[in-house]
Amino acid sequence: MVSDRARLVRDMVRIRVVEEVLADYYRDEQEMRTPTHFSIGQEATSVGVCAATVAQDWLYTAHRSHAPYLAKGGDLKAMVAELYGKQDGCAHGRGGSIHLVDQAVGFAGSAAILGEMISVAVGTAWAFARDGEQRVALTYFGDGATEEGVFAESLNFAAVHRIPVVFVCENNLYSISSPVSARQPAGTSVHGRAEAAGVKALQVDGNDVFAVRDAAEQALRHCREGNGPFLLELATYRWREHVGPGWDADHGYRSQEEIDSWMEQCPIVRATAQLRDEEPDIDAMVAAWRVQFHDEIQAAVAYAKERPFPEVDRLLDGAYAPVAH
């Protein structure tokens, strides 16, 4: 029997193993041609928040979507097939890594345009409230998206109408290769801007999965009780390049020393250490989970490779068509 706290570690290990294996396939085989944004190093932000949700809550994300998709319960085989561009992918091979969807488990969708899904989540949550439903919409985005106008507009609109939406900012310090210090005035913060707009907000250690879950439970309870929106600013760090499977210390915008210092704060290592007293076998469990999930992702890759590509005469299925007059 896996305890609730150990389950959070297990879910982070699953995401880590899945993405590490996919990164190797992406680099070595060149068969997945969709742009990929890996969350390796950021697993706690997805697992901690999604652990506080229910299936009826809808989650929207930006381009770094694998981890939230899996944490919300998205189908792994369908995700991998999507990365390979196959008809059986979750978006039927049309969207790739940055357009995942599994609405059966409340993963409403993801998109690549910076800040695009913030307003969509606000609209969804507003519909929930107007229909009298005890459901919450959540939206993931990076610190770079907070500089888009849609962020300020969405905060204001959600606050005015007391909309049950949770804004989840994964602040990993960089917008591609531009650090926060080059983009935002000293002494300001994402959670501070939310509070200035009348939105309840918390800044949380995004590499502490237990702290993230506790904060997410507070945020979701706040929304369900009719108190309006909530913002979580989760301080975290991606280990690999912004887009792609590689490492980027040689690109000049951040140092290997900085990357190493954040890798020492690995969310899986930290959570495992915190559980050793209450779960004496946690290290053996983590080792076993790594083997289990390695087999699972290998099976998903094999499945994806066997599936067909979309038929040429169906490539426009789902696309908007002009109205005939």
Protein backbone atom coordinates (compact mmCIF):
# COMPACT_ATOMS: atom_id res chain seq x y z
CA MET A 1 0.00 0.00 0.00
CA VAL A 2 1.55 3.28 -1.12
CA SER A 3 0.89 6.22 1.20
CA ASP A 4 -0.40 9.54 -0.16
CA ARG A 5 2.99 11.20 0.34
CA ALA A 6 4.90 8.33 -1.26
CA ARG A 7 2.47 8.46 -4.18
CA LEU A 8 3.65 11.99 -4.91
CA VAL A 9 7.22 10.71 -5.17
CA ARG A 10 6.10 7.85 -7.39
CA ASP A 11 4.31 10.24 -9.75
CA MET A 12 7.38 12.47 -10.00
CA VAL A 13 9.60 9.45 -10.72
CA ARG A 14 7.21 8.40 -13.49
CA ILE A 15 7.37 11.79 -15.19
CA ARG A 16 11.16 11.95 -14.83
CA VAL A 17 11.70 8.50 -16.33
CA VAL A 18 9.22 9.10 -19.16
CA GLU A 19 10.87 12.37 -20.16
CA GLU A 20 14.43 11.08 -19.85
CA VAL A 21 13.64 8.16 -22.15
CA LEU A 22 11.76 10.36 -24.62
CA ALA A 23 14.65 12.84 -24.67
CA ASP A 24 17.03 10.04 -25.62
CA TYR A 25 14.75 8.77 -28.39
CA TYR A 26 14.21 12.31 -29.65
CA ARG A 27 17.94 12.99 -29.88
CA ASP A 28 19.12 9.61 -31.15
CA GLU A 29 16.43 8.57 -33.63
CA GLN A 30 15.16 11.85 -35.09
CA GLU A 31 11.72 10.28 -35.60
CA MET A 32 9.85 12.69 -33.30
CA ARG A 33 9.95 16.01 -35.16
CA THR A 34 7.58 18.02 -32.98
CA PRO A 35 9.20 20.72 -30.83
CA THR A 36 9.47 19.37 -27.27
CA HIS A 37 9.70 21.26 -23.99
CA PHE A 38 10.77 18.94 -21.18
CA SER A 39 9.94 19.48 -17.50
CA ILE A 40 12.91 17.53 -16.15
CA GLY A 41 13.69 19.15 -12.79
CA GLN A 42 10.23 20.74 -12.49
CA GLU A 43 8.16 17.64 -11.69
CA ALA A 44 6.96 18.84 -8.29
CA THR A 45 4.99 21.74 -9.74
CA SER A 46 2.80 19.40 -11.79
CA VAL A 47 2.46 16.54 -9.34
CA GLY A 48 1.84 18.75 -6.31
CA VAL A 49 -0.86 20.85 -7.94
CA CYS A 50 -2.64 18.02 -9.76
CA ALA A 51 -2.74 15.94 -6.57
CA ALA A 52 -5.10 18.56 -5.14
CA THR A 53 -7.52 18.47 -8.10
CA VAL A 54 -10.40 16.19 -8.98
CA ALA A 55 -11.16 14.81 -12.44
CA GLN A 56 -13.92 17.40 -12.95
CA ASP A 57 -11.44 20.28 -12.60
CA TRP A 58 -10.08 21.37 -15.97
CA LEU A 59 -6.41 22.09 -16.53
CA TYR A 60 -4.88 24.17 -19.32
CA THR A 61 -1.15 24.50 -19.97
CA ALA A 62 1.31 26.23 -22.23
CA HIS A 63 4.05 24.57 -24.28
CA ARG A 64 5.74 22.69 -21.39
CA SER A 65 2.86 20.25 -21.19
CA HIS A 66 4.07 16.65 -20.72
CA ALA A 67 4.35 16.78 -16.92
CA PRO A 68 0.95 18.40 -16.19
CA TYR A 69 -0.69 16.07 -18.72
CA LEU A 70 0.70 12.98 -17.00
CA ALA A 71 0.12 14.31 -13.49
CA LYS A 72 -3.55 14.97 -14.33
CA GLY A 73 -3.91 11.37 -15.51
CA GLY A 74 -3.46 11.78 -19.27
CA ASP A 75 -3.02 8.62 -21.33
CA LEU A 76 0.69 7.95 -21.82
CA LYS A 77 0.37 5.87 -25.00
CA ALA A 78 -1.77 8.57 -26.61
CA MET A 79 0.79 11.22 -25.64
CA VAL A 80 3.73 9.31 -27.09
CA ALA A 81 1.80 8.50 -30.26
CA GLU A 82 1.11 12.23 -30.58
CA LEU A 83 4.82 13.01 -30.34
CA TYR A 84 5.39 10.57 -33.20
CA GLY A 85 2.64 12.26 -35.24
CA LYS A 86 0.40 9.20 -35.34
CA GLN A 87 -3.34 9.03 -35.92
CA ASP A 88 -3.85 7.38 -32.51
CA GLY A 89 -2.18 10.29 -30.73
CA CYS A 90 -4.23 12.34 -28.30
CA ALA A 91 -4.61 15.06 -30.97
CA HIS A 92 -4.62 12.53 -33.83
CA GLY A 93 -1.08 13.44 -34.81
CA ARG A 94 -1.99 17.04 -35.65
CA GLY A 95 -0.69 18.87 -32.61
CA GLY A 96 2.48 17.23 -31.32
CA SER A 97 4.07 17.87 -27.94
CA ILE A 98 2.67 21.35 -27.45
CA HIS A 99 -0.97 20.49 -28.21
CA LEU A 100 -1.77 17.63 -25.84
CA VAL A 101 -5.33 16.97 -24.71
CA ASP A 102 -7.20 14.37 -22.63
CA GLN A 103 -10.48 15.86 -21.53
CA ALA A 104 -11.64 12.55 -20.04
CA VAL A 105 -9.35 13.25 -17.07
CA GLY A 106 -9.73 17.02 -17.09
CA PHE A 107 -6.65 17.91 -19.14
CA ALA A 108 -8.42 20.44 -21.31
CA GLY A 109 -5.57 21.28 -23.65
CA SER A 110 -2.25 23.02 -24.20
CA ALA A 111 -0.97 25.58 -26.68
CA ALA A 112 2.26 27.20 -27.76
CA ILE A 113 1.34 30.89 -27.97
CA LEU A 114 2.68 32.69 -24.91
CA GLY A 115 -0.13 33.21 -22.39
CA GLU A 116 -2.77 31.87 -24.77
CA MET A 117 -4.48 29.49 -22.37
CA ILE A 118 -4.67 31.91 -19.43
CA SER A 119 -7.80 33.64 -20.71
CA VAL A 120 -9.28 30.35 -21.91
CA ALA A 121 -9.05 28.94 -18.39
CA VAL A 122 -10.68 32.09 -17.00
CA GLY A 123 -13.56 31.69 -19.43
CA THR A 124 -13.99 28.04 -18.53
CA ALA A 125 -14.00 28.80 -14.81
CA TRP A 126 -16.51 31.60 -15.34
CA ALA A 127 -18.81 29.12 -17.10
CA PHE A 128 -18.44 26.71 -14.18
CA ALA A 129 -19.47 29.46 -11.76
CA ARG A 130 -22.41 30.67 -13.85
CA ASP A 131 -23.66 27.08 -14.11
CA GLY A 132 -23.44 26.66 -10.33
CA GLU A 133 -20.85 23.89 -10.54
CA GLN A 134 -18.26 23.25 -7.83
CA ARG A 135 -15.48 22.97 -10.40
CA VAL A 136 -12.26 24.89 -10.81
CA ALA A 137 -10.17 25.65 -13.89
CA LEU A 138 -6.39 25.86 -13.59
CA THR A 139 -3.87 27.31 -16.00
CA TYR A 140 -0.10 26.72 -16.10
CA PHE A 141 2.29 29.26 -17.58
CA GLY A 142 5.88 30.40 -17.18
CA ASP A 143 7.26 33.66 -15.81
CA GLY A 144 7.64 34.99 -19.36
CA ALA A 145 3.88 34.83 -19.92
CA THR A 146 3.28 37.20 -17.01
CA GLU A 147 4.64 40.00 -19.21
CA GLU A 148 1.86 39.52 -21.75
CA GLY A 149 -1.17 41.76 -21.61
CA VAL A 150 -3.51 38.80 -21.33
CA PHE A 151 -2.07 38.01 -17.90
CA ALA A 152 -2.98 41.41 -16.44
CA GLU A 153 -6.37 41.42 -18.18
CA SER A 154 -7.19 37.93 -16.94
CA LEU A 155 -6.21 38.72 -13.35
CA ASN A 156 -8.43 41.80 -13.40
CA PHE A 157 -11.40 40.07 -14.98
CA ALA A 158 -11.16 37.07 -12.64
CA ALA A 159 -10.92 39.30 -9.58
CA VAL A 160 -13.87 41.50 -10.61
CA HIS A 161 -16.13 38.51 -11.25
CA ARG A 162 -14.77 36.29 -8.43
CA ILE A 163 -14.02 33.53 -10.90
CA PRO A 164 -12.88 30.10 -9.56
CA VAL A 165 -9.60 29.88 -11.46
CA VAL A 166 -6.14 28.97 -10.16
CA PHE A 167 -3.26 30.66 -11.97
CA VAL A 168 -0.13 28.48 -11.71
CA CYS A 169 3.09 30.28 -12.59
CA GLU A 170 6.09 27.97 -12.95
CA ASN A 171 8.78 30.58 -12.36
CA ASN A 172 11.93 28.89 -13.66
CA LEU A 173 13.78 32.22 -13.92
CA TYR A 174 14.06 32.34 -17.72
CA SER A 175 11.92 33.26 -20.69
CA ILE A 176 13.82 31.11 -23.20
CA SER A 177 17.25 32.62 -22.45
CA SER A 178 16.30 35.97 -20.88
CA PRO A 179 16.58 36.00 -17.07
CA VAL A 180 13.91 37.59 -14.89
CA SER A 181 16.42 40.27 -13.85
CA ALA A 182 16.63 41.50 -17.46
CA ARG A 183 12.85 41.60 -17.90
CA GLN A 184 11.28 42.73 -14.64
CA PRO A 185 12.10 45.60 -12.25
CA ALA A 186 13.97 44.75 -9.08
CA GLY A 187 11.73 44.28 -6.06
CA THR A 188 8.72 43.08 -8.05
CA SER A 189 7.27 39.58 -8.20
CA VAL A 190 4.57 37.64 -9.98
CA HIS A 191 2.62 37.01 -6.79
CA GLY A 192 2.95 40.69 -5.90
CA ARG A 193 1.37 41.73 -9.18
CA ALA A 194 -1.46 39.29 -8.59
CA GLU A 195 -2.11 40.70 -5.13
CA ALA A 196 -2.09 44.23 -6.58
CA ALA A 197 -4.89 43.11 -8.93
CA GLY A 198 -6.94 41.85 -5.99
CA VAL A 199 -6.07 38.16 -6.45
CA LYS A 200 -5.07 36.05 -3.46
CA ALA A 201 -1.56 34.70 -4.07
CA LEU A 202 1.19 32.57 -2.55
CA GLN A 203 4.86 32.16 -3.41
CA VAL A 204 5.95 28.55 -2.87
CA ASP A 205 9.13 26.48 -3.14
CA GLY A 206 8.24 24.72 -6.39
CA ASN A 207 10.77 21.93 -5.78
CA ASP A 208 9.03 20.86 -2.55
CA VAL A 209 6.18 18.66 -3.75
CA PHE A 210 4.56 18.54 -0.31
CA ALA A 211 4.54 22.33 0.02
CA VAL A 212 3.14 22.63 -3.51
CA ARG A 213 0.32 20.20 -2.77
CA ASP A 214 -0.56 22.00 0.48
CA ALA A 215 -0.64 25.36 -1.30
CA ALA A 216 -2.73 23.92 -4.16
CA GLU A 217 -5.24 22.50 -1.70
CA GLN A 218 -5.56 25.95 -0.14
CA ALA A 219 -6.00 27.56 -3.55
CA LEU A 220 -8.63 25.10 -4.73
CA ARG A 221 -10.55 25.34 -1.45
CA HIS A 222 -10.49 29.14 -1.77
CA CYS A 223 -12.00 28.89 -5.26
CA ARG A 224 -14.61 26.25 -4.42
CA GLU A 225 -15.87 28.35 -1.51
CA GLY A 226 -16.68 31.21 -3.86
CA ASN A 227 -13.83 33.48 -2.86
CA GLY A 228 -12.59 34.16 -6.38
CA PRO A 229 -9.27 33.43 -8.11
CA PHE A 230 -5.95 32.37 -6.61
CA LEU A 231 -2.39 32.54 -7.96
CA LEU A 232 0.47 30.19 -7.08
CA GLU A 233 3.99 31.32 -7.95
CA LEU A 234 6.12 28.19 -7.85
CA ALA A 235 9.88 28.74 -7.81
CA THR A 236 11.54 25.98 -9.83
CA TYR A 237 14.12 25.35 -12.55
CA ARG A 238 14.36 23.37 -15.78
CA TRP A 239 17.54 21.36 -16.12
CA ARG A 240 17.64 21.08 -19.92
CA GLU A 241 17.34 23.53 -22.77
CA HIS A 242 14.19 25.57 -23.31
CA VAL A 243 13.09 23.48 -26.28
CA GLY A 244 14.67 20.16 -27.16
CA PRO A 245 16.32 17.24 -25.35
CA GLY A 246 19.79 18.71 -24.84
CA TRP A 247 21.76 20.58 -22.21
CA ASP A 248 22.57 24.23 -22.76
CA ALA A 249 25.24 25.43 -20.36
CA ASP A 250 27.36 26.24 -23.41
CA HIS A 251 24.77 28.63 -24.84
CA GLY A 252 26.07 31.47 -22.70
CA TYR A 253 22.97 32.61 -20.85
CA ARG A 254 23.41 30.47 -17.74
CA SER A 255 26.35 28.66 -16.22
CA GLN A 256 26.95 25.01 -15.44
CA GLU A 257 27.45 26.07 -11.81
CA GLU A 258 23.96 27.54 -11.73
CA ILE A 259 22.44 24.41 -13.27
CA ASP A 260 24.34 22.19 -10.83
CA SER A 261 23.13 24.23 -7.86
CA TRP A 262 19.52 23.67 -8.90
CA MET A 263 20.08 19.99 -9.65
CA GLU A 264 21.17 19.65 -6.04
CA GLN A 265 17.61 20.73 -5.17
CA CYS A 266 16.10 17.87 -7.20
CA PRO A 267 12.46 17.54 -6.13
CA ILE A 268 12.59 13.74 -6.20
CA VAL A 269 15.73 13.55 -4.05
CA ARG A 270 14.33 16.09 -1.59
CA ALA A 271 10.96 14.34 -1.23
CA THR A 272 12.63 10.95 -0.86
CA ALA A 273 14.83 12.29 1.94
CA GLN A 274 11.81 13.75 3.73
CA LEU A 275 10.03 10.38 3.66
CA ARG A 276 12.79 8.13 4.99
CA ASP A 277 11.57 8.20 8.59
CA GLU A 278 7.95 7.41 7.77
CA GLU A 279 8.72 5.17 4.76
CA PRO A 280 11.91 3.18 5.60
CA ASP A 281 11.76 1.39 2.23
CA ILE A 282 11.36 4.55 0.14
CA ASP A 283 14.75 4.22 -1.59
CA ALA A 284 13.97 0.67 -2.70
CA MET A 285 10.53 1.83 -3.82
CA VAL A 286 12.04 4.59 -5.94
CA ALA A 287 14.47 2.13 -7.55
CA ALA A 288 11.61 -0.27 -8.33
CA TRP A 289 9.47 2.54 -9.74
CA ARG A 290 12.27 3.58 -12.06
CA VAL A 291 12.37 0.06 -13.52
CA GLN A 292 8.57 -0.13 -13.74
CA PHE A 293 8.19 3.19 -15.51
CA HIS A 294 11.14 2.54 -17.81
CA ASP A 295 9.30 -0.56 -19.01
CA GLU A 296 6.07 1.42 -19.32
CA ILE A 297 7.56 4.15 -21.51
CA GLN A 298 9.40 1.63 -23.67
CA ALA A 299 6.09 -0.13 -24.27
CA ALA A 300 4.45 3.19 -25.12
CA VAL A 301 7.19 4.00 -27.64
CA ALA A 302 6.80 0.57 -29.24
CA TYR A 303 3.04 1.13 -29.44
CA ALA A 304 3.50 4.56 -31.04
CA LYS A 305 5.88 3.28 -33.66
CA GLU A 306 3.38 0.61 -34.73
CA ARG A 307 0.48 3.02 -35.15
CA PRO A 308 -0.35 4.53 -38.56
CA PHE A 309 0.21 8.11 -39.64
CA PRO A 310 -2.93 10.11 -40.50
CA GLU A 311 -4.27 9.41 -43.96
CA VAL A 312 -3.60 12.17 -46.45
CA ASP A 313 -7.27 12.72 -47.25
CA ARG A 314 -7.99 13.23 -43.52
CA LEU A 315 -5.24 15.71 -42.74
CA LEU A 316 -7.70 18.61 -42.53
CA ASP A 317 -10.02 16.83 -40.08
CA GLY A 318 -10.68 19.25 -37.25
CA ALA A 319 -9.42 22.29 -39.15
CA TYR A 320 -11.61 25.31 -39.68
CA ALA A 321 -13.13 25.45 -43.13
CA PRO A 322 -14.53 28.55 -44.91
CA VAL A 323 -18.29 28.81 -44.99
CA ALA A 324 -19.70 28.35 -48.49
CA HIS A 325 -21.94 31.15 -49.70
